[in-house]
Amino acid sequence: MARLDNFMNALSNDGTSRGFIVVYEGRYSEYVYNKKKEGKLKSFLPRFSESAFRVHLMQNYMINFRRFPKEKVLFISGGFRENHTVELWVVPNGANPPKATPTLESMKYRKGKPVNMCESLG
């Protein structure tokens, strides 16, 4: 959320620029802890539409919680990459939007709905 705050600040400081957020679906990593509280970084396949859920959380945070004007930012589905990636772009007025650069043709998914993600934003 701190990166989104910095992104929104950069857009607010330049009234003519526009923001683009490119979201790529892919594996993600998280620490898994054992009984001794020793953490090990593991990689997981995404659940179907998990990146769309994350976009929803970002939009909710930016527009509803921070009251940022929704017309200043456009979300772009970037396709698939090996790892889940989000690119934040500040583009001057009149310039071309960034092009998505996927690295995979398709994605394998694991079963289940995107759960265990906290949506409490205030």
Protein backbone atom coordinates (compact mmCIF):
# COMPACT_ATOMS: atom_id res chain seq x y z
CA MET A 1 0.00 0.00 0.00
CA ALA A 2 2.95 2.32 0.59
CA ARG A 3 3.95 1.95 -3.07
CA LEU A 4 0.42 2.86 -4.11
CA ASP A 5 0.57 5.91 -1.83
CA ASN A 6 3.84 7.04 -3.46
CA PHE A 7 2.32 6.38 -6.89
CA MET A 8 -0.76 8.48 -6.07
CA ASN A 9 1.47 11.27 -4.72
CA ALA A 10 3.49 11.34 -7.95
CA LEU A 11 0.27 11.57 -9.96
CA SER A 12 -1.13 14.29 -7.71
CA ASN A 13 2.05 16.38 -7.99
CA ASP A 14 1.74 16.44 -11.79
CA GLY A 15 -1.83 17.35 -12.64
CA THR A 16 -1.49 16.51 -16.33
CA SER A 17 -0.05 12.99 -16.08
CA ARG A 18 -2.03 9.76 -15.93
CA GLY A 19 -1.32 6.54 -14.08
CA PHE A 20 -1.32 3.04 -15.52
CA ILE A 21 -1.15 -0.11 -13.42
CA VAL A 22 -0.22 -3.23 -15.39
CA VAL A 23 -1.01 -6.47 -13.54
CA TYR A 24 0.45 -9.83 -14.60
CA GLU A 25 -0.90 -13.12 -13.31
CA GLY A 26 1.73 -15.58 -12.11
CA ARG A 27 3.20 -17.57 -9.26
CA TYR A 28 3.66 -15.84 -5.96
CA SER A 29 5.93 -16.50 -3.03
CA GLU A 30 5.28 -16.39 0.68
CA TYR A 31 6.97 -17.56 3.82
CA VAL A 32 5.66 -20.79 5.33
CA TYR A 33 6.54 -21.34 8.99
CA ASN A 34 7.01 -24.60 10.86
CA LYS A 35 6.32 -25.29 14.56
CA LYS A 36 9.71 -23.83 15.48
CA LYS A 37 8.67 -20.60 13.73
CA GLU A 38 11.37 -21.08 11.11
CA GLY A 39 10.30 -19.57 7.82
CA LYS A 40 10.95 -20.96 4.37
CA LEU A 41 10.08 -19.12 1.16
CA LYS A 42 7.77 -21.21 -1.01
CA SER A 43 6.35 -20.55 -4.46
CA PHE A 44 2.67 -21.22 -5.21
CA LEU A 45 0.57 -21.36 -8.36
CA PRO A 46 -2.13 -18.69 -8.40
CA ARG A 47 -5.80 -19.47 -8.03
CA PHE A 48 -7.98 -18.59 -11.03
CA SER A 49 -8.68 -14.81 -11.16
CA GLU A 50 -6.47 -14.09 -8.15
CA SER A 51 -4.91 -11.10 -9.90
CA ALA A 52 -8.41 -9.70 -10.60
CA PHE A 53 -9.11 -9.97 -6.88
CA ARG A 54 -5.88 -8.11 -6.10
CA VAL A 55 -6.85 -5.40 -8.61
CA HIS A 56 -10.17 -5.08 -6.80
CA LEU A 57 -8.32 -4.59 -3.50
CA MET A 58 -6.03 -1.93 -5.05
CA GLN A 59 -8.99 -0.09 -6.58
CA ASN A 60 -10.87 -0.20 -3.29
CA TYR A 61 -7.85 1.16 -1.43
CA MET A 62 -7.14 3.95 -3.93
CA ILE A 63 -10.67 5.08 -4.73
CA ASN A 64 -12.74 4.34 -1.63
CA PHE A 65 -10.17 4.56 1.18
CA ARG A 66 -7.78 7.23 -0.16
CA ARG A 67 -10.43 9.05 -2.25
CA PHE A 68 -8.14 9.19 -5.29
CA PRO A 69 -9.89 10.21 -8.56
CA LYS A 70 -10.55 7.05 -10.57
CA GLU A 71 -10.14 8.84 -13.91
CA LYS A 72 -6.42 9.40 -13.14
CA VAL A 73 -5.60 5.65 -13.14
CA LEU A 74 -6.22 2.84 -15.61
CA PHE A 75 -5.67 -0.83 -14.75
CA ILE A 76 -4.36 -3.07 -17.56
CA SER A 77 -4.35 -6.85 -17.57
CA GLY A 78 -0.84 -7.72 -18.69
CA GLY A 79 -1.30 -11.43 -19.29
CA PHE A 80 0.96 -14.04 -17.71
CA ARG A 81 4.45 -14.01 -16.26
CA GLU A 82 6.41 -16.54 -14.25
CA ASN A 83 5.82 -14.47 -11.09
CA HIS A 84 2.92 -12.23 -10.13
CA THR A 85 4.02 -8.71 -11.08
CA VAL A 86 2.50 -5.23 -10.83
CA GLU A 87 3.99 -2.32 -12.76
CA LEU A 88 3.15 1.29 -11.81
CA TRP A 89 3.55 3.81 -14.65
CA VAL A 90 3.25 7.60 -14.56
CA VAL A 91 2.72 8.74 -18.16
CA PRO A 92 2.69 12.37 -19.34
CA ASN A 93 -0.46 13.69 -20.98
CA GLY A 94 -0.57 12.79 -24.69
CA ALA A 95 2.03 10.01 -24.45
CA ASN A 96 1.24 6.42 -25.40
CA PRO A 97 0.25 4.08 -22.56
CA PRO A 98 2.73 1.36 -21.60
CA LYS A 99 2.58 -1.93 -23.49
CA ALA A 100 2.17 -5.16 -21.58
CA THR A 101 5.11 -7.54 -21.85
CA PRO A 102 3.90 -11.02 -20.87
CA THR A 103 6.49 -13.79 -20.78
CA LEU A 104 4.14 -16.81 -20.76
CA GLU A 105 1.37 -17.88 -23.16
CA SER A 106 -0.82 -19.48 -20.48
CA MET A 107 -0.92 -20.18 -16.76
CA LYS A 108 -1.59 -23.26 -14.67
CA TYR A 109 -3.86 -22.64 -11.70
CA ARG A 110 -4.36 -24.40 -8.43
CA LYS A 111 -7.81 -25.28 -7.17
CA GLY A 112 -9.84 -23.00 -4.98
CA LYS A 113 -11.06 -19.45 -4.73
CA PRO A 114 -8.70 -16.59 -3.88
CA VAL A 115 -9.04 -16.67 -0.09
CA ASN A 116 -6.87 -15.70 2.89
CA MET A 117 -6.53 -12.17 1.57
CA CYS A 118 -7.51 -9.42 3.97
CA GLU A 119 -9.78 -6.70 2.64
CA SER A 120 -9.92 -4.64 5.83
CA LEU A 121 -8.82 -1.21 4.73
CA GLY A 122 -9.92 0.98 7.56
